[in-house]
Each structure stands twice: as structure tokens, then as C-alpha cells.
């Protein structure tokens, strides 16, 4: 898959050209120097800082601060409110949203040293990024979480492609589940996404139907080597634009 070109931009500039039928996807670097981490920590709520402190290892604490601090900084530009004044809430199923009116809509994912933040004006959205890592348990995980069609497609691939294909499928399914917002209320084996890992960057995959009223368009996001990324949006979102913060 070709590398996505992430445009370096300040959040205010990206937000100024935001349209109703597009989603903005931000790639976040989570391995930051101490001074910047301190600045980002100042944007977090006490609850955010408690969640960061709950991680057992310092590097995980730092990555949580980096992900959520940068998320607040970016969302502030789209919401036109100070970062510290953003009021983030969760649905009963656990999906975060901006109070009081859920605009802009957003979804955050992070893994390893990278994060993805996906934003729309108000349409539901889901994002997932995963660090690719081999595990002998991947087949067992797939059998419990993937549909029969997905497992059959995975088994047909050469062994050397199965780890990449597993994470391609996993990120697509996670993005759809986070779009849906029901959390554990959505059986991951109840819907099918493509398994093929070789897709054009930013190209929409097949539309997935969750029920008679809900269809989802999946976009693969070509993040740096060693990771997989995907975003799920409703069919009215026709375009994704990709950004990253200045170094």
C-alpha cells in the first residue's frame, strides 16, 4: 500500500477549510520531548491525568498524555473553543463526544508511538490504528472475532501475508465498531470487511451494511511501516484529507 501524504498544518488552518462531506484524519506522533509533554499535560483535565497515571509504565503514561493533549489541541480549532474548555463526555456504551452538541464528531485511536484522530462536522466516525506484531494467537483471535467469510479469506492467503492481513482486517473492523458506537453490543463476527491487505492509500473499500438502516464506508489509511490504519464513515462522506502537526 502506498504511503499516505500527510500535509503538515496547524489545526486552525485545517479547520478553516473543513467541509461537510469530508473527514480530516490527523496522524499523531506520541514520542515527544519532555517540554512538549508538559505543555500538553496542561491541556488535560484531572480525570485525563488520572487515567494517564494509571498506566504501569512511564512510556505508556507519556503516550496517553501525548495522544489526548494533541487531540484537545486539534479539536479546539474545529470547535472554536479553548482546549482546556472542551467538555468531553461518553455515551452509555463508552463512545466519546464533545458536549453539548456533539460537534465536531471525532474518534481517537493510538498504538505504539502513533495515534490517529479522525474528525467530521457531525457525522459518526470511527478510527483505528494498530502496531503490527506477530503472535501465535492471531489465528485463535480471528476465529473468535472475525466472520466466517473473513476467516476463510485469511486462510486462503500465503502464510507470509497473514499477519499483515489480520491487522488490515482488524483495523477495518475496529473502525466500523467505533463508528457504530455500541461497544460490546456489536458482535464483531456479525459483519464482514475485506481481508486483503494490499489496497490503494485513501481508497474507499466496499460499503459494509450493519443493519437495514446503517451502511459504512471504510477507508484504509496508509500509516508508517509497521502499522495499519483505517477510518469508517457514512456514505455521505466522500473525501478524506490527511494532516499532521508541525514538528
C-alpha atoms as a PDB file:
ATOM      1  CA  UNK A   1       0.000   0.000   0.000  1.00  0.00           C
ATOM      2  CA  UNK A   2       1.383   3.422  -0.987  1.00  0.00           C
ATOM      3  CA  UNK A   3       2.264   5.828   1.796  1.00  0.00           C
ATOM      4  CA  UNK A   4      -0.377   8.443   2.540  1.00  0.00           C
ATOM      5  CA  UNK A   5       0.833  12.014   2.133  1.00  0.00           C
ATOM      6  CA  UNK A   6       0.028  13.740   5.428  1.00  0.00           C
ATOM      7  CA  UNK A   7       0.038  17.513   4.975  1.00  0.00           C
ATOM      8  CA  UNK A   8       1.825  19.386   7.753  1.00  0.00           C
ATOM      9  CA  UNK A   9      -0.548  22.044   9.044  1.00  0.00           C
ATOM     10  CA  UNK A  10      -1.594  23.990  12.085  1.00  0.00           C
ATOM     11  CA  UNK A  11      -5.042  22.897  13.318  1.00  0.00           C
ATOM     12  CA  UNK A  12      -6.587  26.317  12.689  1.00  0.00           C
ATOM     13  CA  UNK A  13      -5.575  26.257   9.028  1.00  0.00           C
ATOM     14  CA  UNK A  14      -7.003  22.761   8.501  1.00  0.00           C
ATOM     15  CA  UNK A  15     -10.225  23.640  10.326  1.00  0.00           C
ATOM     16  CA  UNK A  16     -10.732  26.736   8.173  1.00  0.00           C
ATOM     17  CA  UNK A  17     -11.132  24.597   5.028  1.00  0.00           C
ATOM     18  CA  UNK A  18     -13.311  21.871   6.589  1.00  0.00           C
ATOM     19  CA  UNK A  19     -16.376  20.910   4.506  1.00  0.00           C
ATOM     20  CA  UNK A  20     -19.490  18.896   5.344  1.00  0.00           C
ATOM     21  CA  UNK A  21     -18.778  15.968   3.024  1.00  0.00           C
ATOM     22  CA  UNK A  22     -15.206  15.263   4.138  1.00  0.00           C
ATOM     23  CA  UNK A  23     -13.340  13.869   7.111  1.00  0.00           C
ATOM     24  CA  UNK A  24      -9.999  15.100   8.386  1.00  0.00           C
ATOM     25  CA  UNK A  25      -7.550  12.483   9.630  1.00  0.00           C
ATOM     26  CA  UNK A  26      -4.620  13.534  11.804  1.00  0.00           C
ATOM     27  CA  UNK A  27      -1.531  11.372  12.337  1.00  0.00           C
ATOM     28  CA  UNK A  28      -0.143  11.948  15.844  1.00  0.00           C
ATOM     29  CA  UNK A  29       3.443  11.344  16.936  1.00  0.00           C
ATOM     30  CA  UNK A  30       3.284  10.167  20.552  1.00  0.00           C
ATOM     31  CA  UNK A  31       7.006  10.012  21.337  1.00  0.00           C
ATOM     32  CA  UNK A  32       7.549  13.660  22.282  1.00  0.00           C
ATOM     33  CA  UNK A  33      10.190  15.538  24.255  1.00  0.00           C
ATOM     34  CA  UNK A  34       9.542  16.346  27.892  1.00  0.00           C
ATOM     35  CA  UNK A  35       8.888  20.064  27.459  1.00  0.00           C
ATOM     36  CA  UNK A  36       6.127  19.481  24.888  1.00  0.00           C
ATOM     37  CA  UNK A  37       4.620  16.720  27.019  1.00  0.00           C
ATOM     38  CA  UNK A  38       4.425  19.147  29.924  1.00  0.00           C
ATOM     39  CA  UNK A  39       2.667  21.700  27.729  1.00  0.00           C
ATOM     40  CA  UNK A  40       0.144  19.096  26.527  1.00  0.00           C
ATOM     41  CA  UNK A  41      -0.449  17.831  30.063  1.00  0.00           C
ATOM     42  CA  UNK A  42      -1.584  21.352  30.922  1.00  0.00           C
ATOM     43  CA  UNK A  43      -4.484  20.954  28.466  1.00  0.00           C
ATOM     44  CA  UNK A  44      -5.800  17.804  30.159  1.00  0.00           C
ATOM     45  CA  UNK A  45      -8.461  17.510  32.812  1.00  0.00           C
ATOM     46  CA  UNK A  46      -7.761  15.958  36.193  1.00  0.00           C
ATOM     47  CA  UNK A  47      -9.579  12.835  35.000  1.00  0.00           C
ATOM     48  CA  UNK A  48      -7.303  12.624  31.926  1.00  0.00           C
ATOM     49  CA  UNK A  49      -4.227  12.898  34.112  1.00  0.00           C
ATOM     50  CA  UNK A  50      -5.530  10.191  36.469  1.00  0.00           C
ATOM     51  CA  UNK A  51      -6.083   7.863  33.509  1.00  0.00           C
ATOM     52  CA  UNK A  52      -2.537   8.523  32.302  1.00  0.00           C
ATOM     53  CA  UNK A  53      -1.091   7.872  35.779  1.00  0.00           C
ATOM     54  CA  UNK A  54      -2.928   4.528  35.938  1.00  0.00           C
ATOM     55  CA  UNK A  55      -0.643   3.029  33.279  1.00  0.00           C
ATOM     56  CA  UNK A  56       2.084   0.841  34.778  1.00  0.00           C
ATOM     57  CA  UNK A  57       4.964   2.070  32.597  1.00  0.00           C
ATOM     58  CA  UNK A  58       6.211   5.658  32.143  1.00  0.00           C
ATOM     59  CA  UNK A  59       6.320   5.446  28.338  1.00  0.00           C
ATOM     60  CA  UNK A  60       2.620   4.452  28.265  1.00  0.00           C
ATOM     61  CA  UNK A  61       1.764   7.321  30.591  1.00  0.00           C
ATOM     62  CA  UNK A  62       3.628   9.718  28.288  1.00  0.00           C
ATOM     63  CA  UNK A  63       1.926   8.368  25.161  1.00  0.00           C
ATOM     64  CA  UNK A  64      -1.507   8.774  26.750  1.00  0.00           C
ATOM     65  CA  UNK A  65      -0.709  12.405  27.597  1.00  0.00           C
ATOM     66  CA  UNK A  66       0.627  12.973  24.065  1.00  0.00           C
ATOM     67  CA  UNK A  67      -2.432  11.451  22.386  1.00  0.00           C
ATOM     68  CA  UNK A  68      -5.076  13.188  24.482  1.00  0.00           C
ATOM     69  CA  UNK A  69      -3.237  16.502  24.705  1.00  0.00           C
ATOM     70  CA  UNK A  70      -2.794  16.707  20.937  1.00  0.00           C
ATOM     71  CA  UNK A  71      -6.410  15.627  20.464  1.00  0.00           C
ATOM     72  CA  UNK A  72      -7.585  18.546  22.620  1.00  0.00           C
ATOM     73  CA  UNK A  73      -5.315  20.979  20.809  1.00  0.00           C
ATOM     74  CA  UNK A  74      -6.668  19.920  17.405  1.00  0.00           C
ATOM     75  CA  UNK A  75     -10.326  19.676  18.419  1.00  0.00           C
ATOM     76  CA  UNK A  76     -10.158  23.158  19.939  1.00  0.00           C
ATOM     77  CA  UNK A  77      -9.534  24.624  16.478  1.00  0.00           C
ATOM     78  CA  UNK A  78     -12.513  22.812  14.953  1.00  0.00           C
ATOM     79  CA  UNK A  79     -14.823  23.581  17.898  1.00  0.00           C
ATOM     80  CA  UNK A  80     -13.563  27.193  18.114  1.00  0.00           C
ATOM     81  CA  UNK A  81     -13.146  26.877  21.866  1.00  0.00           C
ATOM     82  CA  UNK A  82     -10.055  26.862  24.111  1.00  0.00           C
ATOM     83  CA  UNK A  83      -8.598  23.384  24.532  1.00  0.00           C
ATOM     84  CA  UNK A  84      -8.975  23.439  28.317  1.00  0.00           C
ATOM     85  CA  UNK A  85     -12.653  24.410  27.944  1.00  0.00           C
ATOM     86  CA  UNK A  86     -13.637  21.389  25.842  1.00  0.00           C
ATOM     87  CA  UNK A  87     -16.099  19.178  27.694  1.00  0.00           C
ATOM     88  CA  UNK A  88     -15.659  15.567  26.589  1.00  0.00           C
ATOM     89  CA  UNK A  89     -18.357  13.110  27.609  1.00  0.00           C
ATOM     90  CA  UNK A  90     -19.097   9.462  26.848  1.00  0.00           C
ATOM     91  CA  UNK A  91     -22.234   7.688  25.713  1.00  0.00           C
ATOM     92  CA  UNK A  92     -23.507   4.863  27.959  1.00  0.00           C
ATOM     93  CA  UNK A  93     -21.651   2.484  25.617  1.00  0.00           C
ATOM     94  CA  UNK A  94     -18.408   4.432  26.091  1.00  0.00           C
ATOM     95  CA  UNK A  95     -18.045   6.407  22.838  1.00  0.00           C
ATOM     96  CA  UNK A  96     -16.593   9.887  23.488  1.00  0.00           C
ATOM     97  CA  UNK A  97     -18.254  13.043  22.199  1.00  0.00           C
ATOM     98  CA  UNK A  98     -17.996  16.794  22.656  1.00  0.00           C
ATOM     99  CA  UNK A  99     -20.732  18.316  24.822  1.00  0.00           C
ATOM    100  CA  UNK A 100     -23.154  19.907  24.457  1.00  0.00           C
ATOM    101  CA  UNK A 101     -23.942  19.332  20.765  1.00  0.00           C
ATOM    102  CA  UNK A 102     -21.546  16.546  19.645  1.00  0.00           C
ATOM    103  CA  UNK A 103     -19.871  18.788  17.051  1.00  0.00           C
ATOM    104  CA  UNK A 104     -17.395  18.245  15.683  1.00  0.00           C
ATOM    105  CA  UNK A 105     -17.658  14.462  15.797  1.00  0.00           C
ATOM    106  CA  UNK A 106     -14.352  12.695  16.372  1.00  0.00           C
ATOM    107  CA  UNK A 107     -12.656   9.419  17.184  1.00  0.00           C
ATOM    108  CA  UNK A 108      -9.179   8.767  18.577  1.00  0.00           C
ATOM    109  CA  UNK A 109      -7.021   5.651  18.424  1.00  0.00           C
ATOM    110  CA  UNK A 110      -3.403   5.088  19.423  1.00  0.00           C
ATOM    111  CA  UNK A 111      -0.982   2.188  19.417  1.00  0.00           C
ATOM    112  CA  UNK A 112       2.745   2.072  19.931  1.00  0.00           C
ATOM    113  CA  UNK A 113       4.138   5.520  19.223  1.00  0.00           C
ATOM    114  CA  UNK A 114       1.439   6.700  16.806  1.00  0.00           C
ATOM    115  CA  UNK A 115      -2.151   7.907  17.008  1.00  0.00           C
ATOM    116  CA  UNK A 116      -4.986   8.658  14.580  1.00  0.00           C
ATOM    117  CA  UNK A 117      -7.584  11.350  15.202  1.00  0.00           C
ATOM    118  CA  UNK A 118     -10.483  11.411  12.716  1.00  0.00           C
ATOM    119  CA  UNK A 119     -12.951  14.325  12.598  1.00  0.00           C
ATOM    120  CA  UNK A 120     -16.217  15.145  10.791  1.00  0.00           C
ATOM    121  CA  UNK A 121     -18.628  18.049  11.166  1.00  0.00           C
ATOM    122  CA  UNK A 122     -21.274  15.891  12.822  1.00  0.00           C
ATOM    123  CA  UNK A 123     -21.443  12.533  11.018  1.00  0.00           C
ATOM    124  CA  UNK A 124     -20.466   9.453  13.039  1.00  0.00           C
ATOM    125  CA  UNK A 125     -16.894   8.308  12.526  1.00  0.00           C
ATOM    126  CA  UNK A 126     -14.594   5.547  13.732  1.00  0.00           C
ATOM    127  CA  UNK A 127     -10.798   5.270  13.520  1.00  0.00           C
ATOM    128  CA  UNK A 128      -8.285   2.605  14.412  1.00  0.00           C
ATOM    129  CA  UNK A 129      -4.507   2.304  14.259  1.00  0.00           C
ATOM    130  CA  UNK A 130      -2.578  -0.782  15.321  1.00  0.00           C
ATOM    131  CA  UNK A 131       1.092  -1.618  15.557  1.00  0.00           C
ATOM    132  CA  UNK A 132       1.674  -4.815  13.586  1.00  0.00           C
ATOM    133  CA  UNK A 133       3.166  -7.530  15.771  1.00  0.00           C
ATOM    134  CA  UNK A 134       3.337 -11.254  15.217  1.00  0.00           C
ATOM    135  CA  UNK A 135       1.663 -13.522  17.733  1.00  0.00           C
ATOM    136  CA  UNK A 136       0.960 -17.266  17.586  1.00  0.00           C
ATOM    137  CA  UNK A 137      -2.524 -16.449  18.935  1.00  0.00           C
ATOM    138  CA  UNK A 138      -3.646 -14.441  15.890  1.00  0.00           C
ATOM    139  CA  UNK A 139      -5.476 -17.391  14.337  1.00  0.00           C
ATOM    140  CA  UNK A 140      -7.398 -18.031  17.546  1.00  0.00           C
ATOM    141  CA  UNK A 141      -8.276 -14.347  17.885  1.00  0.00           C
ATOM    142  CA  UNK A 142      -9.504 -14.298  14.288  1.00  0.00           C
ATOM    143  CA  UNK A 143     -11.688 -17.358  14.849  1.00  0.00           C
ATOM    144  CA  UNK A 144     -13.431 -15.662  17.774  1.00  0.00           C
ATOM    145  CA  UNK A 145     -13.697 -12.134  16.343  1.00  0.00           C
ATOM    146  CA  UNK A 146     -13.844 -12.462  12.547  1.00  0.00           C
ATOM    147  CA  UNK A 147     -16.782 -13.606  10.433  1.00  0.00           C
ATOM    148  CA  UNK A 148     -16.756 -16.964   8.643  1.00  0.00           C
ATOM    149  CA  UNK A 149     -16.115 -15.171   5.341  1.00  0.00           C
ATOM    150  CA  UNK A 150     -13.170 -13.253   6.799  1.00  0.00           C
ATOM    151  CA  UNK A 151     -11.631 -16.382   8.334  1.00  0.00           C
ATOM    152  CA  UNK A 152     -11.961 -18.271   5.055  1.00  0.00           C
ATOM    153  CA  UNK A 153     -10.288 -15.414   3.158  1.00  0.00           C
ATOM    154  CA  UNK A 154      -7.483 -15.240   5.740  1.00  0.00           C
ATOM    155  CA  UNK A 155      -6.832 -18.981   5.494  1.00  0.00           C
ATOM    156  CA  UNK A 156      -6.503 -18.777   1.701  1.00  0.00           C
ATOM    157  CA  UNK A 157      -3.624 -16.293   1.876  1.00  0.00           C
ATOM    158  CA  UNK A 158       0.026 -17.411   1.890  1.00  0.00           C
ATOM    159  CA  UNK A 159       1.333 -17.718   5.464  1.00  0.00           C
ATOM    160  CA  UNK A 160       3.728 -14.820   4.914  1.00  0.00           C
ATOM    161  CA  UNK A 161       0.818 -12.433   4.279  1.00  0.00           C
ATOM    162  CA  UNK A 162      -1.481 -13.497   7.107  1.00  0.00           C
ATOM    163  CA  UNK A 163      -0.132 -11.254   9.876  1.00  0.00           C
ATOM    164  CA  UNK A 164      -0.469  -8.136   7.711  1.00  0.00           C
ATOM    165  CA  UNK A 165      -3.905  -9.295   6.546  1.00  0.00           C
ATOM    166  CA  UNK A 166      -5.012  -9.957  10.130  1.00  0.00           C
ATOM    167  CA  UNK A 167      -4.196  -6.386  11.159  1.00  0.00           C
ATOM    168  CA  UNK A 168      -5.734  -4.973   7.974  1.00  0.00           C
ATOM    169  CA  UNK A 169      -8.971  -6.782   8.780  1.00  0.00           C
ATOM    170  CA  UNK A 170      -8.743  -5.963  12.498  1.00  0.00           C
ATOM    171  CA  UNK A 171      -8.319  -2.199  11.984  1.00  0.00           C
ATOM    172  CA  UNK A 172     -11.189  -2.099   9.480  1.00  0.00           C
ATOM    173  CA  UNK A 173     -13.482  -3.953  11.896  1.00  0.00           C
ATOM    174  CA  UNK A 174     -12.413  -1.789  14.862  1.00  0.00           C
ATOM    175  CA  UNK A 175     -13.061   1.378  12.839  1.00  0.00           C
ATOM    176  CA  UNK A 176     -16.552   0.097  11.948  1.00  0.00           C
ATOM    177  CA  UNK A 177     -17.266  -0.900  15.571  1.00  0.00           C
ATOM    178  CA  UNK A 178     -16.150   2.515  16.833  1.00  0.00           C
ATOM    179  CA  UNK A 179     -18.277   4.196  14.145  1.00  0.00           C
ATOM    180  CA  UNK A 180     -21.251   2.135  15.330  1.00  0.00           C
ATOM    181  CA  UNK A 181     -20.656   3.108  18.955  1.00  0.00           C
ATOM    182  CA  UNK A 182     -22.371   0.151  20.612  1.00  0.00           C
ATOM    183  CA  UNK A 183     -19.158  -1.248  22.041  1.00  0.00           C
ATOM    184  CA  UNK A 184     -19.690  -4.821  23.229  1.00  0.00           C
ATOM    185  CA  UNK A 185     -23.263  -4.596  21.960  1.00  0.00           C
ATOM    186  CA  UNK A 186     -21.984  -5.172  18.409  1.00  0.00           C
ATOM    187  CA  UNK A 187     -20.837  -8.728  17.677  1.00  0.00           C
ATOM    188  CA  UNK A 188     -17.636  -8.343  15.596  1.00  0.00           C
ATOM    189  CA  UNK A 189     -18.435 -11.570  13.731  1.00  0.00           C
ATOM    190  CA  UNK A 190     -21.828 -10.201  12.652  1.00  0.00           C
ATOM    191  CA  UNK A 191     -20.404  -8.127   9.782  1.00  0.00           C
ATOM    192  CA  UNK A 192     -17.716  -8.679   7.167  1.00  0.00           C
ATOM    193  CA  UNK A 193     -14.951  -6.383   5.920  1.00  0.00           C
ATOM    194  CA  UNK A 194     -12.280  -7.038   3.267  1.00  0.00           C
ATOM    195  CA  UNK A 195      -9.226  -9.009   4.420  1.00  0.00           C
ATOM    196  CA  UNK A 196      -6.889  -8.192   1.508  1.00  0.00           C
ATOM    197  CA  UNK A 197      -4.050  -6.029   2.919  1.00  0.00           C
ATOM    198  CA  UNK A 198      -2.990  -4.556  -0.442  1.00  0.00           C
ATOM    199  CA  UNK A 199      -5.163  -1.523  -1.092  1.00  0.00           C
ATOM    200  CA  UNK A 200      -4.530   1.962  -2.527  1.00  0.00           C
ATOM    201  CA  UNK A 201      -3.956   4.583   0.150  1.00  0.00           C
ATOM    202  CA  UNK A 202      -7.093   6.563   0.942  1.00  0.00           C
ATOM    203  CA  UNK A 203      -9.258   4.385  -1.304  1.00  0.00           C
ATOM    204  CA  UNK A 204     -12.734   3.516  -0.068  1.00  0.00           C
ATOM    205  CA  UNK A 205     -13.315  -0.191   0.460  1.00  0.00           C
ATOM    206  CA  UNK A 206     -16.646  -1.940  -0.003  1.00  0.00           C
ATOM    207  CA  UNK A 207     -19.530  -0.397   1.917  1.00  0.00           C
ATOM    208  CA  UNK A 208     -20.371  -2.561   4.928  1.00  0.00           C
ATOM    209  CA  UNK A 209     -24.022  -2.932   5.948  1.00  0.00           C
ATOM    210  CA  UNK A 210     -24.539  -3.198   9.703  1.00  0.00           C
ATOM    211  CA  UNK A 211     -28.335  -3.290   9.535  1.00  0.00           C
ATOM    212  CA  UNK A 212     -31.158  -2.192   7.247  1.00  0.00           C
ATOM    213  CA  UNK A 213     -30.630   1.463   8.193  1.00  0.00           C
ATOM    214  CA  UNK A 214     -26.848   1.714   8.574  1.00  0.00           C
ATOM    215  CA  UNK A 215     -24.160   1.486   5.908  1.00  0.00           C
ATOM    216  CA  UNK A 216     -20.498   2.264   6.484  1.00  0.00           C
ATOM    217  CA  UNK A 217     -17.745   3.258   4.067  1.00  0.00           C
ATOM    218  CA  UNK A 218     -14.258   2.071   5.050  1.00  0.00           C
ATOM    219  CA  UNK A 219     -11.082   3.910   4.077  1.00  0.00           C
ATOM    220  CA  UNK A 220      -7.642   2.419   4.587  1.00  0.00           C
ATOM    221  CA  UNK A 221      -5.083   4.904   5.904  1.00  0.00           C
ATOM    222  CA  UNK A 222      -1.511   4.146   4.890  1.00  0.00           C
ATOM    223  CA  UNK A 223       0.323   4.968   8.102  1.00  0.00           C
ATOM    224  CA  UNK A 224       4.099   4.449   8.515  1.00  0.00           C
ATOM    225  CA  UNK A 225       5.586   0.957   8.080  1.00  0.00           C
ATOM    226  CA  UNK A 226       4.870  -1.408  10.937  1.00  0.00           C
ATOM    227  CA  UNK A 227       1.333  -0.059  11.477  1.00  0.00           C
ATOM    228  CA  UNK A 228      -2.141  -0.397   9.935  1.00  0.00           C
ATOM    229  CA  UNK A 229      -4.847   2.252   9.991  1.00  0.00           C
ATOM    230  CA  UNK A 230      -8.479   2.550   8.914  1.00  0.00           C
ATOM    231  CA  UNK A 231     -11.360   5.016   9.156  1.00  0.00           C
ATOM    232  CA  UNK A 232     -15.101   4.271   8.907  1.00  0.00           C
ATOM    233  CA  UNK A 233     -17.619   6.930   7.842  1.00  0.00           C
ATOM    234  CA  UNK A 234     -21.191   7.109   6.492  1.00  0.00           C
ATOM    235  CA  UNK A 235     -21.634   7.059   2.687  1.00  0.00           C
ATOM    236  CA  UNK A 236     -22.187  10.849   2.535  1.00  0.00           C
ATOM    237  CA  UNK A 237     -18.528  11.395   3.490  1.00  0.00           C
ATOM    238  CA  UNK A 238     -16.853  11.314   0.096  1.00  0.00           C
ATOM    239  CA  UNK A 239     -13.328  12.513   0.819  1.00  0.00           C
ATOM    240  CA  UNK A 240     -10.598  12.185   3.441  1.00  0.00           C
ATOM    241  CA  UNK A 241      -7.851  14.747   3.969  1.00  0.00           C
ATOM    242  CA  UNK A 242      -4.727  13.845   5.901  1.00  0.00           C
ATOM    243  CA  UNK A 243      -2.767  16.101   8.252  1.00  0.00           C
ATOM    244  CA  UNK A 244      -0.028  16.055  10.846  1.00  0.00           C
ATOM    245  CA  UNK A 245       1.148  18.706  13.283  1.00  0.00           C
ATOM    246  CA  UNK A 246       4.385  20.632  12.649  1.00  0.00           C
ATOM    247  CA  UNK A 247       7.401  19.113  14.390  1.00  0.00           C
END
